[in-house]
Protein backbone atom coordinates (compact mmCIF):
# COMPACT_ATOMS: atom_id res chain seq x y z
CA MET A 1 -16.69 19.32 22.53
CA VAL A 2 -17.86 19.68 26.08
CA ASN A 3 -15.21 20.34 28.65
CA ALA A 4 -16.29 17.61 31.17
CA THR A 5 -13.95 18.93 33.98
CA VAL A 6 -15.73 22.38 33.99
CA VAL A 7 -19.18 20.88 33.75
CA LEU A 8 -18.58 18.23 36.46
CA LYS A 9 -17.30 21.04 38.74
CA LYS A 10 -20.50 23.09 38.22
CA ILE A 11 -22.53 19.96 38.84
CA ALA A 12 -20.81 19.33 42.17
CA GLN A 13 -21.30 22.87 43.23
CA THR A 14 -25.01 22.72 42.29
CA ARG A 15 -25.29 19.42 44.18
CA GLN A 16 -23.77 21.18 47.33
CA ARG A 17 -26.60 23.73 47.06
CA LEU A 18 -29.10 20.99 46.84
CA THR A 19 -27.63 19.37 49.88
CA ARG A 20 -28.02 22.62 51.93
CA LEU A 21 -31.66 22.92 50.83
CA LYS A 22 -32.33 19.24 51.58
CA ASN A 23 -31.04 19.94 55.15
CA LYS A 24 -33.78 22.56 55.44
CA LYS A 25 -36.65 20.43 54.11
CA ASP A 26 -37.93 19.52 57.57
CA ILE A 27 -38.97 23.09 58.50
CA SER A 28 -42.64 24.06 58.50
CA VAL A 29 -44.09 26.62 56.14
CA GLU A 30 -44.84 28.85 59.39
CA ARG A 31 -41.12 28.82 60.32
CA LEU A 32 -40.12 29.60 56.83
CA ARG A 33 -42.64 32.52 56.85
CA ASN A 34 -41.31 33.83 60.24
CA ASP A 35 -37.53 33.15 60.11
CA PRO A 36 -35.65 35.64 58.03
CA ASP A 37 -32.36 33.73 58.50
CA THR A 38 -33.85 30.44 57.36
CA GLN A 39 -35.40 32.41 54.39
CA ASP A 40 -31.94 33.73 53.43
CA ILE A 41 -30.34 30.33 53.54
CA ILE A 42 -33.01 28.83 51.34
CA LEU A 43 -33.54 31.50 48.95
CA HIS A 44 -29.73 32.06 48.35
CA ASN A 45 -29.21 28.37 47.82
CA LEU A 46 -32.18 28.13 45.51
CA GLN A 47 -30.89 31.00 43.46
CA LEU A 48 -27.41 29.48 43.19
CA ALA A 49 -28.65 25.96 42.35
CA ILE A 50 -30.87 27.25 39.51
CA GLN A 51 -27.96 29.56 38.44
CA GLY A 52 -25.74 26.52 38.30
CA CYS A 53 -27.97 24.82 35.95
CA VAL A 54 -28.12 27.96 33.76
CA ASP A 55 -24.26 28.08 33.79
CA ILE A 56 -23.98 24.36 32.96
CA GLY A 57 -26.38 24.81 30.02
CA SER A 58 -24.61 27.97 28.80
CA HIS A 59 -21.22 26.32 28.98
CA ILE A 60 -22.44 23.32 27.05
CA ILE A 61 -23.98 25.42 24.34
CA ALA A 62 -20.84 27.44 23.91
CA ASP A 63 -18.56 24.41 23.88
CA GLU A 64 -20.76 22.54 21.33
CA GLY A 65 -21.09 25.64 19.17
CA TRP A 66 -24.85 25.43 19.34
CA GLY A 67 -25.37 29.30 19.17
CA ILE A 68 -26.09 31.92 21.63
CA ALA A 69 -29.17 31.92 23.79
CA GLY A 70 -31.14 35.14 23.99
CA SER A 71 -32.27 34.43 27.64
CA PHE A 72 -31.83 32.03 30.36
CA SER A 73 -34.89 30.19 29.37
CA GLU A 74 -33.68 29.80 25.75
CA ILE A 75 -30.73 27.81 27.13
CA PHE A 76 -33.01 25.00 28.08
CA TYR A 77 -34.90 25.08 24.71
CA ILE A 78 -31.58 24.82 22.82
CA LEU A 79 -30.65 21.85 24.99
CA GLN A 80 -34.00 20.34 24.24
CA GLY A 81 -33.64 20.99 20.45
CA LYS A 82 -30.34 19.13 20.62
CA GLY A 83 -31.81 16.09 22.32
CA VAL A 84 -30.10 16.74 25.73
CA LEU A 85 -33.60 17.49 27.67
CA THR A 86 -37.08 16.28 27.20
CA GLN A 87 -39.94 18.74 26.73
CA ASP A 88 -41.07 17.99 30.28
CA LEU A 89 -37.74 18.79 31.85
CA THR A 90 -37.43 21.84 29.64
CA ASP A 91 -40.60 23.18 31.00
CA LYS A 92 -39.57 22.41 34.58
CA MET A 93 -36.30 24.20 34.07
CA VAL A 94 -37.96 27.29 32.42
CA THR A 95 -40.25 27.56 35.33
CA MET A 96 -37.31 27.32 37.70
CA VAL A 97 -35.61 30.21 35.61
CA GLY A 98 -38.74 32.25 36.08
CA PHE A 99 -38.52 31.64 39.85
CA ARG A 100 -34.71 32.50 39.87
CA ASN A 101 -35.64 35.88 38.10
CA LEU A 102 -38.23 36.59 40.82
CA LEU A 103 -35.54 36.03 43.45
CA VAL A 104 -33.11 38.25 41.84
CA HIS A 105 -35.32 41.03 40.87
CA GLU A 106 -38.33 41.11 43.21
CA TYR A 107 -36.97 39.74 46.54
CA GLU A 108 -39.39 41.51 48.79
CA THR A 109 -42.41 40.13 47.08
CA ILE A 110 -41.49 36.45 47.21
CA ARG A 111 -44.25 34.23 48.57
CA MET A 112 -43.00 31.87 51.07
CA ASP A 113 -45.64 29.30 50.40
CA ILE A 114 -44.24 29.00 46.89
CA VAL A 115 -40.74 28.69 48.19
CA TYR A 116 -41.93 25.93 50.56
CA ASP A 117 -43.50 24.06 47.66
CA ILE A 118 -40.33 24.21 45.62
CA LEU A 119 -38.28 23.27 48.58
CA GLN A 120 -40.59 20.18 49.26
CA THR A 121 -41.45 18.99 45.72
CA HIS A 122 -39.28 20.56 43.01
CA LEU A 123 -35.64 20.10 44.03
CA SER A 124 -35.96 16.87 42.18
CA ASP A 125 -36.34 18.97 38.89
CA ILE A 126 -32.80 20.24 39.40
CA LYS A 127 -31.48 16.79 40.16
CA GLU A 128 -33.17 15.55 37.02
CA PHE A 129 -31.53 18.20 34.88
CA LEU A 130 -28.06 17.24 36.30
CA ARG A 131 -28.70 13.56 35.66
CA ALA A 132 -29.72 14.39 31.97
CA ILE A 133 -26.55 16.30 31.43
CA ILE A 134 -24.49 13.48 32.91
CA ASP A 135 -26.24 10.73 30.90
CA HIS A 136 -26.22 12.67 27.72
CA PHE A 137 -22.57 13.55 27.78
CA LYS A 138 -21.63 10.33 29.42
CA MET A 139 -19.77 12.03 32.27
């Protein structure tokens, strides 16, 4: 059975990261490209927000005894297979994990136009994931 206290704490932490990101949405792509401090704030909070989703999924899978994911992406496929996530949301989260991996492993090659697009149009994917968890487990 899922430990709701742990999951809700992780959801709250992820929402805090989303709030920090939302506060940066009004910047221009030019400023993002040219301001290393803003880049650091956005990239760090994106990484932590995505990692929060990974941690939530991993915790749920362990608590429910649904196996062991072989990769971060597989976490979302397991959740989909158990009816927690839709195919569409699974695809969005797998894409987010791919971006997180880029952030962690290839920091110098991050394209700021992609970061800007995520900031402007894809934070809702993380919000949708959090809502799916809350709704499925009635938290």
